[in-house]
């Protein structure tokens, strides 16, 4: 995980920053106590090694966490969510395992 501060540049969007830093949009907003971003704003970034998963019908955080052998609480924290919906992109971290593994 790489943590740093980033200043929002002209034309940068949440979608762009999510892809650039591999940090979910919800997480960018939540760790910066923000509801939106604007040019010149300083953002705290926690870039995480992992990949994105698209939520499918009948998925929930517990099922997804079990499938990838990570704690549900970590999945919630990394993505800044308490629940998921079909079609949502969530970050699945790598090199973070369940406690006790």
PDB file of N, CA and C in Angstrom:
ATOM      1  N   UNK A   1       0.844  -1.169   0.000  1.00  0.00           N
ATOM      2  CA  UNK A   1       0.000   0.000   0.000  1.00  0.00           C
ATOM      3  C   UNK A   1       0.895   1.239   0.000  1.00  0.00           C
ATOM      4  N   UNK A   2       0.545   2.196  -0.861  1.00  0.00           N
ATOM      5  CA  UNK A   2       1.297   3.437  -0.932  1.00  0.00           C
ATOM      6  C   UNK A   2       0.382   4.577  -0.511  1.00  0.00           C
ATOM      7  N   UNK A   3       0.763   5.338   0.496  1.00  0.00           N
ATOM      8  CA  UNK A   3      -0.032   6.463   0.978  1.00  0.00           C
ATOM      9  C   UNK A   3       0.679   7.764   0.630  1.00  0.00           C
ATOM     10  N   UNK A   4      -0.082   8.726   0.117  1.00  0.00           N
ATOM     11  CA  UNK A   4       0.487  10.015  -0.236  1.00  0.00           C
ATOM     12  C   UNK A   4      -0.622  11.040  -0.417  1.00  0.00           C
ATOM     13  N   UNK A   5      -0.229  12.280  -0.650  1.00  0.00           N
ATOM     14  CA  UNK A   5      -1.157  13.385  -0.877  1.00  0.00           C
ATOM     15  C   UNK A   5      -1.105  13.743  -2.365  1.00  0.00           C
ATOM     16  N   UNK A   6      -2.285  13.986  -2.951  1.00  0.00           N
ATOM     17  CA  UNK A   6      -2.382  14.355  -4.369  1.00  0.00           C
ATOM     18  C   UNK A   6      -3.220  15.613  -4.507  1.00  0.00           C
ATOM     19  N   UNK A   7      -2.755  16.538  -5.322  1.00  0.00           N
ATOM     20  CA  UNK A   7      -3.526  17.747  -5.614  1.00  0.00           C
ATOM     21  C   UNK A   7      -4.300  17.523  -6.908  1.00  0.00           C
ATOM     22  N   UNK A   8      -5.626  17.733  -6.859  1.00  0.00           N
ATOM     23  CA  UNK A   8      -6.483  17.508  -8.019  1.00  0.00           C
ATOM     24  C   UNK A   8      -6.132  18.517  -9.110  1.00  0.00           C
ATOM     25  N   UNK A   9      -5.810  17.985 -10.289  1.00  0.00           N
ATOM     26  CA  UNK A   9      -5.428  18.802 -11.438  1.00  0.00           C
ATOM     27  C   UNK A   9      -6.646  19.105 -12.308  1.00  0.00           C
ATOM     28  N   UNK A  10      -6.528  20.103 -13.207  1.00  0.00           N
ATOM     29  CA  UNK A  10      -7.654  20.406 -14.096  1.00  0.00           C
ATOM     30  C   UNK A  10      -8.096  19.153 -14.858  1.00  0.00           C
ATOM     31  N   UNK A  11      -9.386  18.984 -14.987  1.00  0.00           N
ATOM     32  CA  UNK A  11     -10.015  17.886 -15.735  1.00  0.00           C
ATOM     33  C   UNK A  11      -9.881  16.512 -15.083  1.00  0.00           C
ATOM     34  N   UNK A  12      -9.319  16.405 -13.881  1.00  0.00           N
ATOM     35  CA  UNK A  12      -9.292  15.108 -13.199  1.00  0.00           C
ATOM     36  C   UNK A  12     -10.670  14.847 -12.585  1.00  0.00           C
ATOM     37  N   UNK A  13     -11.152  13.641 -12.769  1.00  0.00           N
ATOM     38  CA  UNK A  13     -12.443  13.222 -12.225  1.00  0.00           C
ATOM     39  C   UNK A  13     -12.224  12.089 -11.232  1.00  0.00           C
ATOM     40  N   UNK A  14     -13.274  11.772 -10.480  1.00  0.00           N
ATOM     41  CA  UNK A  14     -13.179  10.632  -9.561  1.00  0.00           C
ATOM     42  C   UNK A  14     -12.903   9.340 -10.322  1.00  0.00           C
ATOM     43  N   UNK A  15     -13.545   9.170 -11.472  1.00  0.00           N
ATOM     44  CA  UNK A  15     -13.295   7.968 -12.281  1.00  0.00           C
ATOM     45  C   UNK A  15     -11.826   7.878 -12.677  1.00  0.00           C
ATOM     46  N   UNK A  16     -11.263   8.996 -13.090  1.00  0.00           N
ATOM     47  CA  UNK A  16      -9.851   9.032 -13.484  1.00  0.00           C
ATOM     48  C   UNK A  16      -8.946   8.687 -12.299  1.00  0.00           C
ATOM     49  N   UNK A  17      -9.202   9.316 -11.142  1.00  0.00           N
ATOM     50  CA  UNK A  17      -8.368   9.082  -9.963  1.00  0.00           C
ATOM     51  C   UNK A  17      -8.495   7.646  -9.464  1.00  0.00           C
ATOM     52  N   UNK A  18      -9.690   7.075  -9.546  1.00  0.00           N
ATOM     53  CA  UNK A  18      -9.894   5.684  -9.142  1.00  0.00           C
ATOM     54  C   UNK A  18      -8.973   4.768  -9.947  1.00  0.00           C
ATOM     55  N   UNK A  19      -8.932   4.971 -11.250  1.00  0.00           N
ATOM     56  CA  UNK A  19      -8.084   4.134 -12.108  1.00  0.00           C
ATOM     57  C   UNK A  19      -6.601   4.446 -11.914  1.00  0.00           C
ATOM     58  N   UNK A  20      -6.271   5.723 -11.802  1.00  0.00           N
ATOM     59  CA  UNK A  20      -4.869   6.127 -11.672  1.00  0.00           C
ATOM     60  C   UNK A  20      -4.232   5.575 -10.404  1.00  0.00           C
ATOM     61  N   UNK A  21      -4.966   5.634  -9.291  1.00  0.00           N
ATOM     62  CA  UNK A  21      -4.402   5.257  -8.001  1.00  0.00           C
ATOM     63  C   UNK A  21      -4.891   3.907  -7.475  1.00  0.00           C
ATOM     64  N   UNK A  22      -5.754   3.234  -8.243  1.00  0.00           N
ATOM     65  CA  UNK A  22      -6.293   1.941  -7.818  1.00  0.00           C
ATOM     66  C   UNK A  22      -6.923   2.056  -6.428  1.00  0.00           C
ATOM     67  N   UNK A  23      -7.756   3.084  -6.290  1.00  0.00           N
ATOM     68  CA  UNK A  23      -8.455   3.344  -5.029  1.00  0.00           C
ATOM     69  C   UNK A  23      -9.908   3.639  -5.366  1.00  0.00           C
ATOM     70  N   UNK A  24     -10.859   2.887  -4.807  1.00  0.00           N
ATOM     71  CA  UNK A  24     -12.267   3.098  -5.132  1.00  0.00           C
ATOM     72  C   UNK A  24     -12.734   4.534  -4.875  1.00  0.00           C
ATOM     73  N   UNK A  25     -13.639   5.008  -5.743  1.00  0.00           N
ATOM     74  CA  UNK A  25     -14.167   6.375  -5.619  1.00  0.00           C
ATOM     75  C   UNK A  25     -14.740   6.628  -4.231  1.00  0.00           C
ATOM     76  N   UNK A  26     -15.540   5.668  -3.727  1.00  0.00           N
ATOM     77  CA  UNK A  26     -16.152   5.842  -2.408  1.00  0.00           C
ATOM     78  C   UNK A  26     -15.093   6.021  -1.331  1.00  0.00           C
ATOM     79  N   UNK A  27     -13.987   5.295  -1.477  1.00  0.00           N
ATOM     80  CA  UNK A  27     -12.906   5.375  -0.492  1.00  0.00           C
ATOM     81  C   UNK A  27     -12.189   6.720  -0.593  1.00  0.00           C
ATOM     82  N   UNK A  28     -11.954   7.200  -1.817  1.00  0.00           N
ATOM     83  CA  UNK A  28     -11.330   8.515  -1.996  1.00  0.00           C
ATOM     84  C   UNK A  28     -12.146   9.569  -1.268  1.00  0.00           C
ATOM     85  N   UNK A  29     -13.455   9.531  -1.470  1.00  0.00           N
ATOM     86  CA  UNK A  29     -14.327  10.518  -0.826  1.00  0.00           C
ATOM     87  C   UNK A  29     -14.367  10.337   0.690  1.00  0.00           C
ATOM     88  N   UNK A  30     -14.500   9.089   1.154  1.00  0.00           N
ATOM     89  CA  UNK A  30     -14.659   8.886   2.596  1.00  0.00           C
ATOM     90  C   UNK A  30     -13.413   9.245   3.391  1.00  0.00           C
ATOM     91  N   UNK A  31     -12.214   8.868   2.907  1.00  0.00           N
ATOM     92  CA  UNK A  31     -11.005   9.183   3.682  1.00  0.00           C
ATOM     93  C   UNK A  31     -10.692  10.679   3.655  1.00  0.00           C
ATOM     94  N   UNK A  32     -11.279  11.393   2.700  1.00  0.00           N
ATOM     95  CA  UNK A  32     -11.058  12.836   2.617  1.00  0.00           C
ATOM     96  C   UNK A  32     -12.249  13.632   3.129  1.00  0.00           C
ATOM     97  N   UNK A  33     -13.212  12.920   3.750  1.00  0.00           N
ATOM     98  CA  UNK A  33     -14.399  13.565   4.304  1.00  0.00           C
ATOM     99  C   UNK A  33     -15.029  14.519   3.287  1.00  0.00           C
ATOM    100  N   UNK A  34     -15.235  14.012   2.066  1.00  0.00           N
ATOM    101  CA  UNK A  34     -15.743  14.835   0.969  1.00  0.00           C
ATOM    102  C   UNK A  34     -16.926  14.149   0.295  1.00  0.00           C
ATOM    103  N   UNK A  35     -17.718  14.933  -0.405  1.00  0.00           N
ATOM    104  CA  UNK A  35     -18.821  14.391  -1.199  1.00  0.00           C
ATOM    105  C   UNK A  35     -18.539  14.564  -2.690  1.00  0.00           C
ATOM    106  N   UNK A  36     -17.549  15.382  -3.011  1.00  0.00           N
ATOM    107  CA  UNK A  36     -17.120  15.599  -4.387  1.00  0.00           C
ATOM    108  C   UNK A  36     -15.678  16.090  -4.374  1.00  0.00           C
ATOM    109  N   UNK A  37     -15.064  16.176  -5.556  1.00  0.00           N
ATOM    110  CA  UNK A  37     -13.707  16.713  -5.644  1.00  0.00           C
ATOM    111  C   UNK A  37     -13.715  17.942  -6.544  1.00  0.00           C
ATOM    112  N   UNK A  38     -12.685  18.764  -6.409  1.00  0.00           N
ATOM    113  CA  UNK A  38     -12.578  19.972  -7.224  1.00  0.00           C
ATOM    114  C   UNK A  38     -11.108  20.266  -7.496  1.00  0.00           C
ATOM    115  N   UNK A  39     -10.878  20.989  -8.573  1.00  0.00           N
ATOM    116  CA  UNK A  39      -9.516  21.366  -8.965  1.00  0.00           C
ATOM    117  C   UNK A  39      -8.820  22.105  -7.832  1.00  0.00           C
ATOM    118  N   UNK A  40      -7.583  21.708  -7.550  1.00  0.00           N
ATOM    119  CA  UNK A  40      -6.797  22.346  -6.500  1.00  0.00           C
ATOM    120  C   UNK A  40      -6.941  21.690  -5.136  1.00  0.00           C
ATOM    121  N   UNK A  41      -7.920  20.819  -4.976  1.00  0.00           N
ATOM    122  CA  UNK A  41      -8.144  20.135  -3.701  1.00  0.00           C
ATOM    123  C   UNK A  41      -7.008  19.146  -3.434  1.00  0.00           C
ATOM    124  N   UNK A  42      -6.589  19.080  -2.180  1.00  0.00           N
ATOM    125  CA  UNK A  42      -5.584  18.103  -1.763  1.00  0.00           C
ATOM    126  C   UNK A  42      -6.309  16.878  -1.248  1.00  0.00           C
ATOM    127  N   UNK A  43      -5.923  15.704  -1.756  1.00  0.00           N
ATOM    128  CA  UNK A  43      -6.558  14.452  -1.362  1.00  0.00           C
ATOM    129  C   UNK A  43      -5.535  13.497  -0.764  1.00  0.00           C
ATOM    130  N   UNK A  44      -5.937  12.816   0.284  1.00  0.00           N
ATOM    131  CA  UNK A  44      -5.137  11.733   0.851  1.00  0.00           C
ATOM    132  C   UNK A  44      -5.434  10.486   0.024  1.00  0.00           C
ATOM    133  N   UNK A  45      -4.405   9.830  -0.468  1.00  0.00           N
ATOM    134  CA  UNK A  45      -4.559   8.654  -1.327  1.00  0.00           C
ATOM    135  C   UNK A  45      -3.921   7.436  -0.672  1.00  0.00           C
ATOM    136  N   UNK A  46      -4.670   6.337  -0.638  1.00  0.00           N
ATOM    137  CA  UNK A  46      -4.172   5.044  -0.162  1.00  0.00           C
ATOM    138  C   UNK A  46      -4.238   4.096  -1.353  1.00  0.00           C
ATOM    139  N   UNK A  47      -3.188   4.019  -2.117  1.00  0.00           N
ATOM    140  CA  UNK A  47      -3.158   3.158  -3.292  1.00  0.00           C
ATOM    141  C   UNK A  47      -2.903   1.717  -2.858  1.00  0.00           C
ATOM    142  N   UNK A  48      -3.744   0.812  -3.329  1.00  0.00           N
ATOM    143  CA  UNK A  48      -3.698  -0.573  -2.880  1.00  0.00           C
ATOM    144  C   UNK A  48      -3.455  -1.496  -4.071  1.00  0.00           C
ATOM    145  N   UNK A  49      -2.575  -2.482  -3.888  1.00  0.00           N
ATOM    146  CA  UNK A  49      -2.371  -3.497  -4.918  1.00  0.00           C
ATOM    147  C   UNK A  49      -3.575  -4.420  -4.932  1.00  0.00           C
ATOM    148  N   UNK A  50      -4.152  -4.607  -6.106  1.00  0.00           N
ATOM    149  CA  UNK A  50      -5.304  -5.482  -6.209  1.00  0.00           C
ATOM    150  C   UNK A  50      -5.919  -5.410  -7.594  1.00  0.00           C
ATOM    151  N   UNK A  51      -7.136  -5.899  -7.694  1.00  0.00           N
ATOM    152  CA  UNK A  51      -7.854  -5.886  -8.965  1.00  0.00           C
ATOM    153  C   UNK A  51      -9.320  -5.577  -8.692  1.00  0.00           C
ATOM    154  N   UNK A  52     -10.028  -5.170  -9.738  1.00  0.00           N
ATOM    155  CA  UNK A  52     -11.446  -4.842  -9.590  1.00  0.00           C
ATOM    156  C   UNK A  52     -12.318  -6.033  -9.950  1.00  0.00           C
ATOM    157  N   UNK A  53     -13.386  -6.177  -9.201  1.00  0.00           N
ATOM    158  CA  UNK A  53     -14.376  -7.231  -9.399  1.00  0.00           C
ATOM    159  C   UNK A  53     -15.721  -6.552  -9.607  1.00  0.00           C
ATOM    160  N   UNK A  54     -16.492  -7.032 -10.575  1.00  0.00           N
ATOM    161  CA  UNK A  54     -17.836  -6.507 -10.817  1.00  0.00           C
ATOM    162  C   UNK A  54     -18.833  -7.395 -10.074  1.00  0.00           C
ATOM    163  N   UNK A  55     -19.618  -6.775  -9.199  1.00  0.00           N
ATOM    164  CA  UNK A  55     -20.591  -7.509  -8.391  1.00  0.00           C
ATOM    165  C   UNK A  55     -21.669  -8.116  -9.292  1.00  0.00           C
ATOM    166  N   UNK A  56     -21.935  -9.397  -9.074  1.00  0.00           N
ATOM    167  CA  UNK A  56     -22.905 -10.155  -9.871  1.00  0.00           C
ATOM    168  C   UNK A  56     -24.169 -10.416  -9.044  1.00  0.00           C
ATOM    169  N   UNK A  57     -25.252 -10.832  -9.716  1.00  0.00           N
ATOM    170  CA  UNK A  57     -26.473 -11.172  -8.962  1.00  0.00           C
ATOM    171  C   UNK A  57     -26.164 -12.205  -7.864  1.00  0.00           C
ATOM    172  N   UNK A  58     -26.785 -12.025  -6.733  1.00  0.00           N
ATOM    173  CA  UNK A  58     -26.661 -12.890  -5.549  1.00  0.00           C
ATOM    174  C   UNK A  58     -25.328 -12.739  -4.809  1.00  0.00           C
ATOM    175  N   UNK A  59     -24.446 -11.853  -5.273  1.00  0.00           N
ATOM    176  CA  UNK A  59     -23.217 -11.567  -4.531  1.00  0.00           C
ATOM    177  C   UNK A  59     -23.546 -10.700  -3.320  1.00  0.00           C
ATOM    178  N   UNK A  60     -22.759 -10.852  -2.294  1.00  0.00           N
ATOM    179  CA  UNK A  60     -22.751  -9.910  -1.171  1.00  0.00           C
ATOM    180  C   UNK A  60     -21.312  -9.850  -0.679  1.00  0.00           C
ATOM    181  N   UNK A  61     -21.029  -8.943   0.221  1.00  0.00           N
ATOM    182  CA  UNK A  61     -19.647  -8.764   0.668  1.00  0.00           C
ATOM    183  C   UNK A  61     -19.080 -10.027   1.310  1.00  0.00           C
ATOM    184  N   UNK A  62     -19.906 -10.735   2.065  1.00  0.00           N
ATOM    185  CA  UNK A  62     -19.426 -11.945   2.719  1.00  0.00           C
ATOM    186  C   UNK A  62     -19.025 -13.013   1.699  1.00  0.00           C
ATOM    187  N   UNK A  63     -19.847 -13.216   0.676  1.00  0.00           N
ATOM    188  CA  UNK A  63     -19.538 -14.216  -0.357  1.00  0.00           C
ATOM    189  C   UNK A  63     -18.272 -13.842  -1.124  1.00  0.00           C
ATOM    190  N   UNK A  64     -18.165 -12.568  -1.474  1.00  0.00           N
ATOM    191  CA  UNK A  64     -16.994 -12.108  -2.235  1.00  0.00           C
ATOM    192  C   UNK A  64     -15.736 -12.242  -1.388  1.00  0.00           C
ATOM    193  N   UNK A  65     -15.809 -11.829  -0.129  1.00  0.00           N
ATOM    194  CA  UNK A  65     -14.653 -11.935   0.768  1.00  0.00           C
ATOM    195  C   UNK A  65     -14.219 -13.394   0.917  1.00  0.00           C
ATOM    196  N   UNK A  66     -15.178 -14.290   1.080  1.00  0.00           N
ATOM    197  CA  UNK A  66     -14.858 -15.718   1.207  1.00  0.00           C
ATOM    198  C   UNK A  66     -14.215 -16.248  -0.068  1.00  0.00           C
ATOM    199  N   UNK A  67     -14.751 -15.848  -1.212  1.00  0.00           N
ATOM    200  CA  UNK A  67     -14.222 -16.314  -2.499  1.00  0.00           C
ATOM    201  C   UNK A  67     -12.750 -15.956  -2.656  1.00  0.00           C
ATOM    202  N   UNK A  68     -12.353 -14.780  -2.154  1.00  0.00           N
ATOM    203  CA  UNK A  68     -10.972 -14.322  -2.324  1.00  0.00           C
ATOM    204  C   UNK A  68     -10.143 -14.427  -1.043  1.00  0.00           C
ATOM    205  N   UNK A  69     -10.684 -15.112  -0.029  1.00  0.00           N
ATOM    206  CA  UNK A  69      -9.970 -15.393   1.208  1.00  0.00           C
ATOM    207  C   UNK A  69      -9.455 -14.132   1.914  1.00  0.00           C
ATOM    208  N   UNK A  70     -10.350 -13.148   2.035  1.00  0.00           N
ATOM    209  CA  UNK A  70     -10.020 -11.937   2.787  1.00  0.00           C
ATOM    210  C   UNK A  70     -11.142 -11.658   3.792  1.00  0.00           C
ATOM    211  N   UNK A  71     -10.845 -10.899   4.818  1.00  0.00           N
ATOM    212  CA  UNK A  71     -11.865 -10.540   5.800  1.00  0.00           C
ATOM    213  C   UNK A  71     -12.868  -9.585   5.177  1.00  0.00           C
ATOM    214  N   UNK A  72     -14.143  -9.817   5.468  1.00  0.00           N
ATOM    215  CA  UNK A  72     -15.204  -8.931   4.985  1.00  0.00           C
ATOM    216  C   UNK A  72     -14.968  -7.496   5.462  1.00  0.00           C
ATOM    217  N   UNK A  73     -14.494  -7.341   6.694  1.00  0.00           N
ATOM    218  CA  UNK A  73     -14.261  -5.997   7.242  1.00  0.00           C
ATOM    219  C   UNK A  73     -13.195  -5.247   6.438  1.00  0.00           C
ATOM    220  N   UNK A  74     -12.188  -5.956   5.947  1.00  0.00           N
ATOM    221  CA  UNK A  74     -11.148  -5.329   5.122  1.00  0.00           C
ATOM    222  C   UNK A  74     -11.742  -4.896   3.789  1.00  0.00           C
ATOM    223  N   UNK A  75     -12.564  -5.758   3.204  1.00  0.00           N
ATOM    224  CA  UNK A  75     -13.220  -5.434   1.941  1.00  0.00           C
ATOM    225  C   UNK A  75     -14.091  -4.187   2.085  1.00  0.00           C
ATOM    226  N   UNK A  76     -14.824  -4.094   3.193  1.00  0.00           N
ATOM    227  CA  UNK A  76     -15.660  -2.913   3.457  1.00  0.00           C
ATOM    228  C   UNK A  76     -14.796  -1.658   3.602  1.00  0.00           C
ATOM    229  N   UNK A  77     -13.732  -1.768   4.389  1.00  0.00           N
ATOM    230  CA  UNK A  77     -12.878  -0.608   4.658  1.00  0.00           C
ATOM    231  C   UNK A  77     -12.181  -0.117   3.395  1.00  0.00           C
ATOM    232  N   UNK A  78     -11.615  -1.022   2.628  1.00  0.00           N
ATOM    233  CA  UNK A  78     -10.874  -0.647   1.426  1.00  0.00           C
ATOM    234  C   UNK A  78     -11.780   0.034   0.406  1.00  0.00           C
ATOM    235  N   UNK A  79     -13.030  -0.438   0.316  1.00  0.00           N
ATOM    236  CA  UNK A  79     -13.951   0.095  -0.685  1.00  0.00           C
ATOM    237  C   UNK A  79     -14.847   1.208  -0.145  1.00  0.00           C
ATOM    238  N   UNK A  80     -14.786   1.465   1.159  1.00  0.00           N
ATOM    239  CA  UNK A  80     -15.594   2.532   1.744  1.00  0.00           C
ATOM    240  C   UNK A  80     -17.084   2.255   1.638  1.00  0.00           C
ATOM    241  N   UNK A  81     -17.479   0.977   1.764  1.00  0.00           N
ATOM    242  CA  UNK A  81     -18.886   0.590   1.628  1.00  0.00           C
ATOM    243  C   UNK A  81     -19.298  -0.330   2.768  1.00  0.00           C
ATOM    244  N   UNK A  82     -20.616  -0.436   2.976  1.00  0.00           N
ATOM    245  CA  UNK A  82     -21.162  -1.406   3.920  1.00  0.00           C
ATOM    246  C   UNK A  82     -21.945  -2.485   3.198  1.00  0.00           C
ATOM    247  N   UNK A  83     -22.281  -2.229   1.934  1.00  0.00           N
ATOM    248  CA  UNK A  83     -23.045  -3.168   1.126  1.00  0.00           C
ATOM    249  C   UNK A  83     -22.658  -2.955  -0.337  1.00  0.00           C
ATOM    250  N   UNK A  84     -23.065  -3.876  -1.207  1.00  0.00           N
ATOM    251  CA  UNK A  84     -22.757  -3.770  -2.630  1.00  0.00           C
ATOM    252  C   UNK A  84     -24.020  -3.965  -3.450  1.00  0.00           C
ATOM    253  N   UNK A  85     -23.963  -3.560  -4.719  1.00  0.00           N
ATOM    254  CA  UNK A  85     -25.093  -3.734  -5.624  1.00  0.00           C
ATOM    255  C   UNK A  85     -24.594  -4.316  -6.944  1.00  0.00           C
ATOM    256  N   UNK A  86     -25.490  -4.954  -7.675  1.00  0.00           N
ATOM    257  CA  UNK A  86     -25.148  -5.584  -8.952  1.00  0.00           C
ATOM    258  C   UNK A  86     -24.541  -4.543  -9.888  1.00  0.00           C
ATOM    259  N   UNK A  87     -23.411  -4.900 -10.491  1.00  0.00           N
ATOM    260  CA  UNK A  87     -22.738  -4.010 -11.433  1.00  0.00           C
ATOM    261  C   UNK A  87     -21.698  -3.105 -10.798  1.00  0.00           C
ATOM    262  N   UNK A  88     -21.653  -3.039  -9.477  1.00  0.00           N
ATOM    263  CA  UNK A  88     -20.684  -2.190  -8.781  1.00  0.00           C
ATOM    264  C   UNK A  88     -19.278  -2.773  -8.934  1.00  0.00           C
ATOM    265  N   UNK A  89     -18.304  -1.884  -9.108  1.00  0.00           N
ATOM    266  CA  UNK A  89     -16.893  -2.299  -9.127  1.00  0.00           C
ATOM    267  C   UNK A  89     -16.346  -2.165  -7.723  1.00  0.00           C
ATOM    268  N   UNK A  90     -15.765  -3.237  -7.226  1.00  0.00           N
ATOM    269  CA  UNK A  90     -15.106  -3.171  -5.922  1.00  0.00           C
ATOM    270  C   UNK A  90     -13.671  -3.665  -6.063  1.00  0.00           C
ATOM    271  N   UNK A  91     -12.811  -3.099  -5.253  1.00  0.00           N
ATOM    272  CA  UNK A  91     -11.402  -3.461  -5.280  1.00  0.00           C
ATOM    273  C   UNK A  91     -11.167  -4.678  -4.395  1.00  0.00           C
ATOM    274  N   UNK A  92     -10.546  -5.689  -4.984  1.00  0.00           N
ATOM    275  CA  UNK A  92     -10.146  -6.889  -4.243  1.00  0.00           C
ATOM    276  C   UNK A  92      -8.643  -6.774  -4.008  1.00  0.00           C
ATOM    277  N   UNK A  93      -8.220  -6.578  -2.759  1.00  0.00           N
ATOM    278  CA  UNK A  93      -6.800  -6.419  -2.496  1.00  0.00           C
ATOM    279  C   UNK A  93      -6.049  -7.742  -2.640  1.00  0.00           C
ATOM    280  N   UNK A  94      -4.813  -7.647  -3.042  1.00  0.00           N
ATOM    281  CA  UNK A  94      -3.966  -8.832  -3.043  1.00  0.00           C
ATOM    282  C   UNK A  94      -2.960  -8.685  -1.904  1.00  0.00           C
ATOM    283  N   UNK A  95      -2.436  -9.778  -1.454  1.00  0.00           N
ATOM    284  CA  UNK A  95      -1.454  -9.813  -0.355  1.00  0.00           C
ATOM    285  C   UNK A  95      -2.058  -9.424   0.988  1.00  0.00           C
ATOM    286  N   UNK A  96      -3.388  -9.443   1.098  1.00  0.00           N
ATOM    287  CA  UNK A  96      -4.057  -9.230   2.383  1.00  0.00           C
ATOM    288  C   UNK A  96      -4.950 -10.444   2.581  1.00  0.00           C
ATOM    289  N   UNK A  97      -4.677 -11.235   3.589  1.00  0.00           N
ATOM    290  CA  UNK A  97      -5.401 -12.486   3.807  1.00  0.00           C
ATOM    291  C   UNK A  97      -6.255 -12.394   5.064  1.00  0.00           C
ATOM    292  N   UNK A  98      -7.108 -13.401   5.237  1.00  0.00           N
ATOM    293  CA  UNK A  98      -7.907 -13.487   6.439  1.00  0.00           C
ATOM    294  C   UNK A  98      -7.009 -13.658   7.641  1.00  0.00           C
ATOM    295  N   UNK A  99      -7.460 -13.152   8.786  1.00  0.00           N
ATOM    296  CA  UNK A  99      -6.711 -13.356  10.019  1.00  0.00           C
ATOM    297  C   UNK A  99      -6.627 -14.845  10.296  1.00  0.00           C
ATOM    298  N   UNK A 100      -5.462 -15.302  10.681  1.00  0.00           N
ATOM    299  CA  UNK A 100      -5.273 -16.707  11.003  1.00  0.00           C
ATOM    300  C   UNK A 100      -4.754 -17.526   9.842  1.00  0.00           C
ATOM    301  N   UNK A 101      -4.716 -16.966   8.635  1.00  0.00           N
ATOM    302  CA  UNK A 101      -4.189 -17.692   7.462  1.00  0.00           C
ATOM    303  C   UNK A 101      -2.712 -17.497   7.309  1.00  0.00           C
TER     304      UNK A 101
END
